[in-house]
């Protein structure tokens, strides 16, 4: 029988007040990104991220754009990031 609270522990492995932007990327992240994302693609991704951050700073970002920004940032920080359709 699973221990009480196991589902919550697995769903939320970090404390609720965790600053995810402060979590260090995996040591292999830069190597993986360099091997899987061309320089042209990386420039496009960073341009897109910059544009979304500007919209956020100006208070003009939509919820969908904010989710898109968070996904881009996290997938660059940790290339092992995966998404499940239910999370979207």
PDB file of N, CA and C in Angstrom:
ATOM      1  N   UNK A   1       0.853  -1.183   0.000  1.00  0.00           N
ATOM      2  CA  UNK A   1       0.000   0.000   0.000  1.00  0.00           C
ATOM      3  C   UNK A   1       0.895   1.241   0.000  1.00  0.00           C
ATOM      4  N   UNK A   2       0.619   2.196  -0.879  1.00  0.00           N
ATOM      5  CA  UNK A   2       1.424   3.429  -0.910  1.00  0.00           C
ATOM      6  C   UNK A   2       1.248   4.231   0.375  1.00  0.00           C
ATOM      7  N   UNK A   3       2.307   4.911   0.774  1.00  0.00           N
ATOM      8  CA  UNK A   3       2.222   5.739   1.980  1.00  0.00           C
ATOM      9  C   UNK A   3       1.307   6.941   1.741  1.00  0.00           C
ATOM     10  N   UNK A   4       0.710   7.424   2.798  1.00  0.00           N
ATOM     11  CA  UNK A   4      -0.172   8.593   2.695  1.00  0.00           C
ATOM     12  C   UNK A   4       0.637   9.784   2.205  1.00  0.00           C
ATOM     13  N   UNK A   5       0.089  10.534   1.275  1.00  0.00           N
ATOM     14  CA  UNK A   5       0.748  11.733   0.776  1.00  0.00           C
ATOM     15  C   UNK A   5       1.733  11.479  -0.354  1.00  0.00           C
ATOM     16  N   UNK A   6       1.884  10.216  -0.801  1.00  0.00           N
ATOM     17  CA  UNK A   6       2.844   9.905  -1.858  1.00  0.00           C
ATOM     18  C   UNK A   6       2.502  10.628  -3.160  1.00  0.00           C
ATOM     19  N   UNK A   7       1.225  10.642  -3.522  1.00  0.00           N
ATOM     20  CA  UNK A   7       0.826  11.296  -4.769  1.00  0.00           C
ATOM     21  C   UNK A   7       1.197  12.775  -4.748  1.00  0.00           C
ATOM     22  N   UNK A   8       0.929  13.444  -3.640  1.00  0.00           N
ATOM     23  CA  UNK A   8       1.264  14.866  -3.537  1.00  0.00           C
ATOM     24  C   UNK A   8       2.782  15.063  -3.582  1.00  0.00           C
ATOM     25  N   UNK A   9       3.528  14.191  -2.934  1.00  0.00           N
ATOM     26  CA  UNK A   9       4.988  14.285  -2.922  1.00  0.00           C
ATOM     27  C   UNK A   9       5.551  14.150  -4.343  1.00  0.00           C
ATOM     28  N   UNK A  10       4.985  13.226  -5.123  1.00  0.00           N
ATOM     29  CA  UNK A  10       5.453  13.022  -6.491  1.00  0.00           C
ATOM     30  C   UNK A  10       4.997  14.142  -7.418  1.00  0.00           C
ATOM     31  N   UNK A  11       3.822  14.671  -7.188  1.00  0.00           N
ATOM     32  CA  UNK A  11       3.289  15.747  -8.023  1.00  0.00           C
ATOM     33  C   UNK A  11       4.030  17.055  -7.766  1.00  0.00           C
ATOM     34  N   UNK A  12       4.390  17.306  -6.523  1.00  0.00           N
ATOM     35  CA  UNK A  12       5.053  18.549  -6.145  1.00  0.00           C
ATOM     36  C   UNK A  12       6.337  18.225  -5.376  1.00  0.00           C
ATOM     37  N   UNK A  13       7.409  17.845  -6.088  1.00  0.00           N
ATOM     38  CA  UNK A  13       8.630  17.411  -5.399  1.00  0.00           C
ATOM     39  C   UNK A  13       9.423  18.547  -4.743  1.00  0.00           C
ATOM     40  N   UNK A  14       9.108  19.771  -5.075  1.00  0.00           N
ATOM     41  CA  UNK A  14       9.799  20.910  -4.469  1.00  0.00           C
ATOM     42  C   UNK A  14       8.804  21.723  -3.648  1.00  0.00           C
ATOM     43  N   UNK A  15       9.267  22.452  -2.650  1.00  0.00           N
ATOM     44  CA  UNK A  15       8.354  23.269  -1.848  1.00  0.00           C
ATOM     45  C   UNK A  15       7.622  24.301  -2.721  1.00  0.00           C
ATOM     46  N   UNK A  16       6.399  24.667  -2.322  1.00  0.00           N
ATOM     47  CA  UNK A  16       5.604  25.606  -3.113  1.00  0.00           C
ATOM     48  C   UNK A  16       6.285  26.953  -3.352  1.00  0.00           C
ATOM     49  N   UNK A  17       7.167  27.374  -2.457  1.00  0.00           N
ATOM     50  CA  UNK A  17       7.808  28.689  -2.628  1.00  0.00           C
ATOM     51  C   UNK A  17       9.143  28.607  -3.366  1.00  0.00           C
ATOM     52  N   UNK A  18       9.405  27.490  -4.050  1.00  0.00           N
ATOM     53  CA  UNK A  18      10.654  27.326  -4.791  1.00  0.00           C
ATOM     54  C   UNK A  18      10.730  28.337  -5.930  1.00  0.00           C
ATOM     55  N   UNK A  19      11.848  29.022  -6.047  1.00  0.00           N
ATOM     56  CA  UNK A  19      12.098  29.924  -7.179  1.00  0.00           C
ATOM     57  C   UNK A  19      12.725  29.115  -8.300  1.00  0.00           C
ATOM     58  N   UNK A  20      11.907  28.639  -9.220  1.00  0.00           N
ATOM     59  CA  UNK A  20      12.410  27.747 -10.261  1.00  0.00           C
ATOM     60  C   UNK A  20      13.454  28.424 -11.144  1.00  0.00           C
ATOM     61  N   UNK A  21      13.407  29.742 -11.239  1.00  0.00           N
ATOM     62  CA  UNK A  21      14.424  30.443 -12.020  1.00  0.00           C
ATOM     63  C   UNK A  21      15.780  30.447 -11.311  1.00  0.00           C
ATOM     64  N   UNK A  22      15.810  30.018 -10.056  1.00  0.00           N
ATOM     65  CA  UNK A  22      17.054  29.971  -9.284  1.00  0.00           C
ATOM     66  C   UNK A  22      17.674  28.562  -9.268  1.00  0.00           C
ATOM     67  N   UNK A  23      16.958  27.570  -9.779  1.00  0.00           N
ATOM     68  CA  UNK A  23      17.467  26.202  -9.789  1.00  0.00           C
ATOM     69  C   UNK A  23      18.519  26.091 -10.893  1.00  0.00           C
ATOM     70  N   UNK A  24      19.683  25.579 -10.534  1.00  0.00           N
ATOM     71  CA  UNK A  24      20.772  25.443 -11.504  1.00  0.00           C
ATOM     72  C   UNK A  24      20.400  24.427 -12.582  1.00  0.00           C
ATOM     73  N   UNK A  25      20.785  24.711 -13.817  1.00  0.00           N
ATOM     74  CA  UNK A  25      20.515  23.740 -14.880  1.00  0.00           C
ATOM     75  C   UNK A  25      21.392  22.500 -14.704  1.00  0.00           C
ATOM     76  N   UNK A  26      20.992  21.388 -15.287  1.00  0.00           N
ATOM     77  CA  UNK A  26      21.838  20.198 -15.233  1.00  0.00           C
ATOM     78  C   UNK A  26      23.186  20.497 -15.897  1.00  0.00           C
ATOM     79  N   UNK A  27      24.228  19.824 -15.463  1.00  0.00           N
ATOM     80  CA  UNK A  27      25.573  20.088 -15.987  1.00  0.00           C
ATOM     81  C   UNK A  27      25.681  19.833 -17.484  1.00  0.00           C
ATOM     82  N   UNK A  28      24.825  18.989 -18.028  1.00  0.00           N
ATOM     83  CA  UNK A  28      24.895  18.624 -19.445  1.00  0.00           C
ATOM     84  C   UNK A  28      24.006  19.492 -20.342  1.00  0.00           C
ATOM     85  N   UNK A  29      23.263  20.419 -19.771  1.00  0.00           N
ATOM     86  CA  UNK A  29      22.256  21.171 -20.533  1.00  0.00           C
ATOM     87  C   UNK A  29      22.849  21.907 -21.729  1.00  0.00           C
ATOM     88  N   UNK A  30      23.914  22.634 -21.517  1.00  0.00           N
ATOM     89  CA  UNK A  30      24.502  23.423 -22.609  1.00  0.00           C
ATOM     90  C   UNK A  30      24.993  22.510 -23.739  1.00  0.00           C
ATOM     91  N   UNK A  31      25.618  21.401 -23.379  1.00  0.00           N
ATOM     92  CA  UNK A  31      26.115  20.461 -24.393  1.00  0.00           C
ATOM     93  C   UNK A  31      24.967  19.888 -25.210  1.00  0.00           C
ATOM     94  N   UNK A  32      23.902  19.480 -24.539  1.00  0.00           N
ATOM     95  CA  UNK A  32      22.744  18.915 -25.243  1.00  0.00           C
ATOM     96  C   UNK A  32      22.127  19.962 -26.165  1.00  0.00           C
ATOM     97  N   UNK A  33      21.940  21.185 -25.655  1.00  0.00           N
ATOM     98  CA  UNK A  33      21.344  22.239 -26.482  1.00  0.00           C
ATOM     99  C   UNK A  33      22.199  22.542 -27.702  1.00  0.00           C
ATOM    100  N   UNK A  34      23.514  22.595 -27.523  1.00  0.00           N
ATOM    101  CA  UNK A  34      24.406  22.875 -28.662  1.00  0.00           C
ATOM    102  C   UNK A  34      24.338  21.768 -29.713  1.00  0.00           C
ATOM    103  N   UNK A  35      24.162  20.527 -29.264  1.00  0.00           N
ATOM    104  CA  UNK A  35      24.115  19.398 -30.191  1.00  0.00           C
ATOM    105  C   UNK A  35      22.763  19.242 -30.871  1.00  0.00           C
ATOM    106  N   UNK A  36      21.717  19.785 -30.300  1.00  0.00           N
ATOM    107  CA  UNK A  36      20.371  19.540 -30.834  1.00  0.00           C
ATOM    108  C   UNK A  36      19.685  20.771 -31.425  1.00  0.00           C
ATOM    109  N   UNK A  37      20.232  21.958 -31.151  1.00  0.00           N
ATOM    110  CA  UNK A  37      19.612  23.188 -31.651  1.00  0.00           C
ATOM    111  C   UNK A  37      20.652  23.940 -32.461  1.00  0.00           C
ATOM    112  N   UNK A  38      20.368  24.162 -33.736  1.00  0.00           N
ATOM    113  CA  UNK A  38      21.327  24.892 -34.581  1.00  0.00           C
ATOM    114  C   UNK A  38      21.446  26.335 -34.105  1.00  0.00           C
ATOM    115  N   UNK A  39      22.544  26.999 -34.500  1.00  0.00           N
ATOM    116  CA  UNK A  39      22.708  28.405 -34.077  1.00  0.00           C
ATOM    117  C   UNK A  39      21.577  29.284 -34.590  1.00  0.00           C
ATOM    118  N   UNK A  40      21.114  29.004 -35.800  1.00  0.00           N
ATOM    119  CA  UNK A  40      20.004  29.793 -36.355  1.00  0.00           C
ATOM    120  C   UNK A  40      18.727  29.571 -35.537  1.00  0.00           C
ATOM    121  N   UNK A  41      18.450  28.320 -35.205  1.00  0.00           N
ATOM    122  CA  UNK A  41      17.274  28.023 -34.393  1.00  0.00           C
ATOM    123  C   UNK A  41      17.395  28.666 -33.017  1.00  0.00           C
ATOM    124  N   UNK A  42      18.593  28.616 -32.426  1.00  0.00           N
ATOM    125  CA  UNK A  42      18.791  29.203 -31.099  1.00  0.00           C
ATOM    126  C   UNK A  42      18.575  30.710 -31.145  1.00  0.00           C
ATOM    127  N   UNK A  43      19.040  31.355 -32.209  1.00  0.00           N
ATOM    128  CA  UNK A  43      18.799  32.800 -32.349  1.00  0.00           C
ATOM    129  C   UNK A  43      17.310  33.079 -32.427  1.00  0.00           C
ATOM    130  N   UNK A  44      16.582  32.263 -33.178  1.00  0.00           N
ATOM    131  CA  UNK A  44      15.127  32.441 -33.287  1.00  0.00           C
ATOM    132  C   UNK A  44      14.432  32.242 -31.942  1.00  0.00           C
ATOM    133  N   UNK A  45      14.863  31.221 -31.211  1.00  0.00           N
ATOM    134  CA  UNK A  45      14.268  30.954 -29.896  1.00  0.00           C
ATOM    135  C   UNK A  45      14.520  32.138 -28.960  1.00  0.00           C
ATOM    136  N   UNK A  46      15.760  32.621 -28.928  1.00  0.00           N
ATOM    137  CA  UNK A  46      16.075  33.746 -28.039  1.00  0.00           C
ATOM    138  C   UNK A  46      15.341  35.027 -28.455  1.00  0.00           C
ATOM    139  N   UNK A  47      15.182  35.242 -29.748  1.00  0.00           N
ATOM    140  CA  UNK A  47      14.404  36.408 -30.217  1.00  0.00           C
ATOM    141  C   UNK A  47      12.960  36.310 -29.745  1.00  0.00           C
ATOM    142  N   UNK A  48      12.400  35.108 -29.856  1.00  0.00           N
ATOM    143  CA  UNK A  48      11.020  34.880 -29.419  1.00  0.00           C
ATOM    144  C   UNK A  48      10.897  35.094 -27.905  1.00  0.00           C
ATOM    145  N   UNK A  49      11.845  34.545 -27.149  1.00  0.00           N
ATOM    146  CA  UNK A  49      11.842  34.716 -25.693  1.00  0.00           C
ATOM    147  C   UNK A  49      11.952  36.195 -25.338  1.00  0.00           C
ATOM    148  N   UNK A  50      12.858  36.911 -25.989  1.00  0.00           N
ATOM    149  CA  UNK A  50      13.028  38.343 -25.717  1.00  0.00           C
ATOM    150  C   UNK A  50      11.736  39.123 -25.986  1.00  0.00           C
ATOM    151  N   UNK A  51      11.067  38.786 -27.089  1.00  0.00           N
ATOM    152  CA  UNK A  51       9.815  39.470 -27.433  1.00  0.00           C
ATOM    153  C   UNK A  51       8.735  39.186 -26.378  1.00  0.00           C
ATOM    154  N   UNK A  52       8.659  37.936 -25.927  1.00  0.00           N
ATOM    155  CA  UNK A  52       7.667  37.590 -24.909  1.00  0.00           C
ATOM    156  C   UNK A  52       7.989  38.254 -23.574  1.00  0.00           C
ATOM    157  N   UNK A  53       9.262  38.314 -23.215  1.00  0.00           N
ATOM    158  CA  UNK A  53       9.643  38.983 -21.963  1.00  0.00           C
ATOM    159  C   UNK A  53       9.293  40.469 -22.022  1.00  0.00           C
ATOM    160  N   UNK A  54       9.490  41.088 -23.180  1.00  0.00           N
ATOM    161  CA  UNK A  54       9.145  42.504 -23.346  1.00  0.00           C
ATOM    162  C   UNK A  54       7.639  42.692 -23.148  1.00  0.00           C
ATOM    163  N   UNK A  55       6.841  41.804 -23.758  1.00  0.00           N
ATOM    164  CA  UNK A  55       5.386  41.891 -23.580  1.00  0.00           C
ATOM    165  C   UNK A  55       5.015  41.731 -22.109  1.00  0.00           C
ATOM    166  N   UNK A  56       5.714  40.823 -21.412  1.00  0.00           N
ATOM    167  CA  UNK A  56       5.437  40.613 -19.985  1.00  0.00           C
ATOM    168  C   UNK A  56       5.785  41.869 -19.189  1.00  0.00           C
ATOM    169  N   UNK A  57       6.937  42.468 -19.473  1.00  0.00           N
ATOM    170  CA  UNK A  57       7.354  43.697 -18.773  1.00  0.00           C
ATOM    171  C   UNK A  57       6.368  44.838 -19.016  1.00  0.00           C
ATOM    172  N   UNK A  58       5.809  44.872 -20.225  1.00  0.00           N
ATOM    173  CA  UNK A  58       4.855  45.930 -20.578  1.00  0.00           C
ATOM    174  C   UNK A  58       3.440  45.618 -20.109  1.00  0.00           C
ATOM    175  N   UNK A  59       3.246  44.443 -19.523  1.00  0.00           N
ATOM    176  CA  UNK A  59       1.920  44.052 -19.053  1.00  0.00           C
ATOM    177  C   UNK A  59       0.971  43.670 -20.170  1.00  0.00           C
ATOM    178  N   UNK A  60       1.508  43.260 -21.307  1.00  0.00           N
ATOM    179  CA  UNK A  60       0.677  42.958 -22.473  1.00  0.00           C
ATOM    180  C   UNK A  60       0.674  41.481 -22.854  1.00  0.00           C
ATOM    181  N   UNK A  61       1.283  40.646 -22.037  1.00  0.00           N
ATOM    182  CA  UNK A  61       1.385  39.225 -22.374  1.00  0.00           C
ATOM    183  C   UNK A  61       0.078  38.503 -22.034  1.00  0.00           C
ATOM    184  N   UNK A  62      -0.318  37.598 -22.925  1.00  0.00           N
ATOM    185  CA  UNK A  62      -1.517  36.786 -22.665  1.00  0.00           C
ATOM    186  C   UNK A  62      -1.124  35.565 -21.826  1.00  0.00           C
ATOM    187  N   UNK A  63      -2.109  34.876 -21.316  1.00  0.00           N
ATOM    188  CA  UNK A  63      -1.839  33.667 -20.537  1.00  0.00           C
ATOM    189  C   UNK A  63      -1.137  32.631 -21.418  1.00  0.00           C
ATOM    190  N   UNK A  64      -1.619  32.451 -22.637  1.00  0.00           N
ATOM    191  CA  UNK A  64      -1.010  31.479 -23.551  1.00  0.00           C
ATOM    192  C   UNK A  64       0.446  31.838 -23.839  1.00  0.00           C
ATOM    193  N   UNK A  65       0.725  33.128 -24.030  1.00  0.00           N
ATOM    194  CA  UNK A  65       2.096  33.561 -24.284  1.00  0.00           C
ATOM    195  C   UNK A  65       2.982  33.372 -23.051  1.00  0.00           C
ATOM    196  N   UNK A  66       2.432  33.601 -21.870  1.00  0.00           N
ATOM    197  CA  UNK A  66       3.187  33.408 -20.634  1.00  0.00           C
ATOM    198  C   UNK A  66       3.543  31.932 -20.450  1.00  0.00           C
ATOM    199  N   UNK A  67       2.607  31.041 -20.758  1.00  0.00           N
ATOM    200  CA  UNK A  67       2.878  29.603 -20.687  1.00  0.00           C
ATOM    201  C   UNK A  67       3.950  29.244 -21.714  1.00  0.00           C
ATOM    202  N   UNK A  68       3.834  29.782 -22.912  1.00  0.00           N
ATOM    203  CA  UNK A  68       4.811  29.532 -23.968  1.00  0.00           C
ATOM    204  C   UNK A  68       6.205  29.999 -23.539  1.00  0.00           C
ATOM    205  N   UNK A  69       6.288  31.157 -22.932  1.00  0.00           N
ATOM    206  CA  UNK A  69       7.564  31.682 -22.442  1.00  0.00           C
ATOM    207  C   UNK A  69       8.154  30.762 -21.385  1.00  0.00           C
ATOM    208  N   UNK A  70       7.346  30.348 -20.444  1.00  0.00           N
ATOM    209  CA  UNK A  70       7.827  29.462 -19.383  1.00  0.00           C
ATOM    210  C   UNK A  70       8.327  28.134 -19.945  1.00  0.00           C
ATOM    211  N   UNK A  71       7.628  27.603 -20.925  1.00  0.00           N
ATOM    212  CA  UNK A  71       8.049  26.341 -21.543  1.00  0.00           C
ATOM    213  C   UNK A  71       9.388  26.523 -22.240  1.00  0.00           C
ATOM    214  N   UNK A  72       9.527  27.590 -23.026  1.00  0.00           N
ATOM    215  CA  UNK A  72      10.807  27.860 -23.711  1.00  0.00           C
ATOM    216  C   UNK A  72      11.944  27.995 -22.713  1.00  0.00           C
ATOM    217  N   UNK A  73      11.741  28.786 -21.686  1.00  0.00           N
ATOM    218  CA  UNK A  73      12.801  29.017 -20.704  1.00  0.00           C
ATOM    219  C   UNK A  73      13.206  27.716 -20.015  1.00  0.00           C
ATOM    220  N   UNK A  74      12.228  26.932 -19.622  1.00  0.00           N
ATOM    221  CA  UNK A  74      12.543  25.701 -18.892  1.00  0.00           C
ATOM    222  C   UNK A  74      13.180  24.656 -19.789  1.00  0.00           C
ATOM    223  N   UNK A  75      12.723  24.557 -21.035  1.00  0.00           N
ATOM    224  CA  UNK A  75      13.305  23.559 -21.928  1.00  0.00           C
ATOM    225  C   UNK A  75      14.738  23.921 -22.308  1.00  0.00           C
ATOM    226  N   UNK A  76      15.069  25.205 -22.357  1.00  0.00           N
ATOM    227  CA  UNK A  76      16.462  25.603 -22.582  1.00  0.00           C
ATOM    228  C   UNK A  76      17.290  25.350 -21.327  1.00  0.00           C
ATOM    229  N   UNK A  77      16.720  25.628 -20.172  1.00  0.00           N
ATOM    230  CA  UNK A  77      17.441  25.418 -18.911  1.00  0.00           C
ATOM    231  C   UNK A  77      17.709  23.937 -18.679  1.00  0.00           C
ATOM    232  N   UNK A  78      16.702  23.098 -18.947  1.00  0.00           N
ATOM    233  CA  UNK A  78      16.829  21.665 -18.731  1.00  0.00           C
ATOM    234  C   UNK A  78      16.256  20.925 -19.933  1.00  0.00           C
ATOM    235  N   UNK A  79      17.119  20.487 -20.858  1.00  0.00           N
ATOM    236  CA  UNK A  79      16.625  19.848 -22.080  1.00  0.00           C
ATOM    237  C   UNK A  79      15.947  18.500 -21.862  1.00  0.00           C
ATOM    238  N   UNK A  80      15.941  17.992 -20.632  1.00  0.00           N
ATOM    239  CA  UNK A  80      15.212  16.745 -20.372  1.00  0.00           C
ATOM    240  C   UNK A  80      13.758  17.014 -20.000  1.00  0.00           C
ATOM    241  N   UNK A  81      13.366  18.290 -19.991  1.00  0.00           N
ATOM    242  CA  UNK A  81      11.991  18.671 -19.667  1.00  0.00           C
ATOM    243  C   UNK A  81      11.026  18.041 -20.657  1.00  0.00           C
ATOM    244  N   UNK A  82       9.967  17.470 -20.151  1.00  0.00           N
ATOM    245  CA  UNK A  82       8.919  16.933 -21.012  1.00  0.00           C
ATOM    246  C   UNK A  82       7.583  17.518 -20.572  1.00  0.00           C
ATOM    247  N   UNK A  83       6.634  17.502 -21.471  1.00  0.00           N
ATOM    248  CA  UNK A  83       5.289  18.012 -21.183  1.00  0.00           C
ATOM    249  C   UNK A  83       4.284  16.919 -21.437  1.00  0.00           C
ATOM    250  N   UNK A  84       3.266  16.896 -20.640  1.00  0.00           N
ATOM    251  CA  UNK A  84       2.152  15.982 -20.874  1.00  0.00           C
ATOM    252  C   UNK A  84       0.978  16.824 -21.330  1.00  0.00           C
ATOM    253  N   UNK A  85       0.191  16.292 -22.233  1.00  0.00           N
ATOM    254  CA  UNK A  85      -0.938  17.042 -22.778  1.00  0.00           C
ATOM    255  C   UNK A  85      -1.860  17.565 -21.696  1.00  0.00           C
ATOM    256  N   UNK A  86      -2.047  16.815 -20.626  1.00  0.00           N
ATOM    257  CA  UNK A  86      -2.940  17.272 -19.556  1.00  0.00           C
ATOM    258  C   UNK A  86      -2.387  18.518 -18.883  1.00  0.00           C
ATOM    259  N   UNK A  87      -1.055  18.726 -18.940  1.00  0.00           N
ATOM    260  CA  UNK A  87      -0.441  19.906 -18.322  1.00  0.00           C
ATOM    261  C   UNK A  87      -0.647  21.158 -19.166  1.00  0.00           C
ATOM    262  N   UNK A  88      -0.920  20.978 -20.434  1.00  0.00           N
ATOM    263  CA  UNK A  88      -1.078  22.124 -21.302  1.00  0.00           C
ATOM    264  C   UNK A  88      -2.482  22.634 -21.234  1.00  0.00           C
TER     265      UNK A  88
END
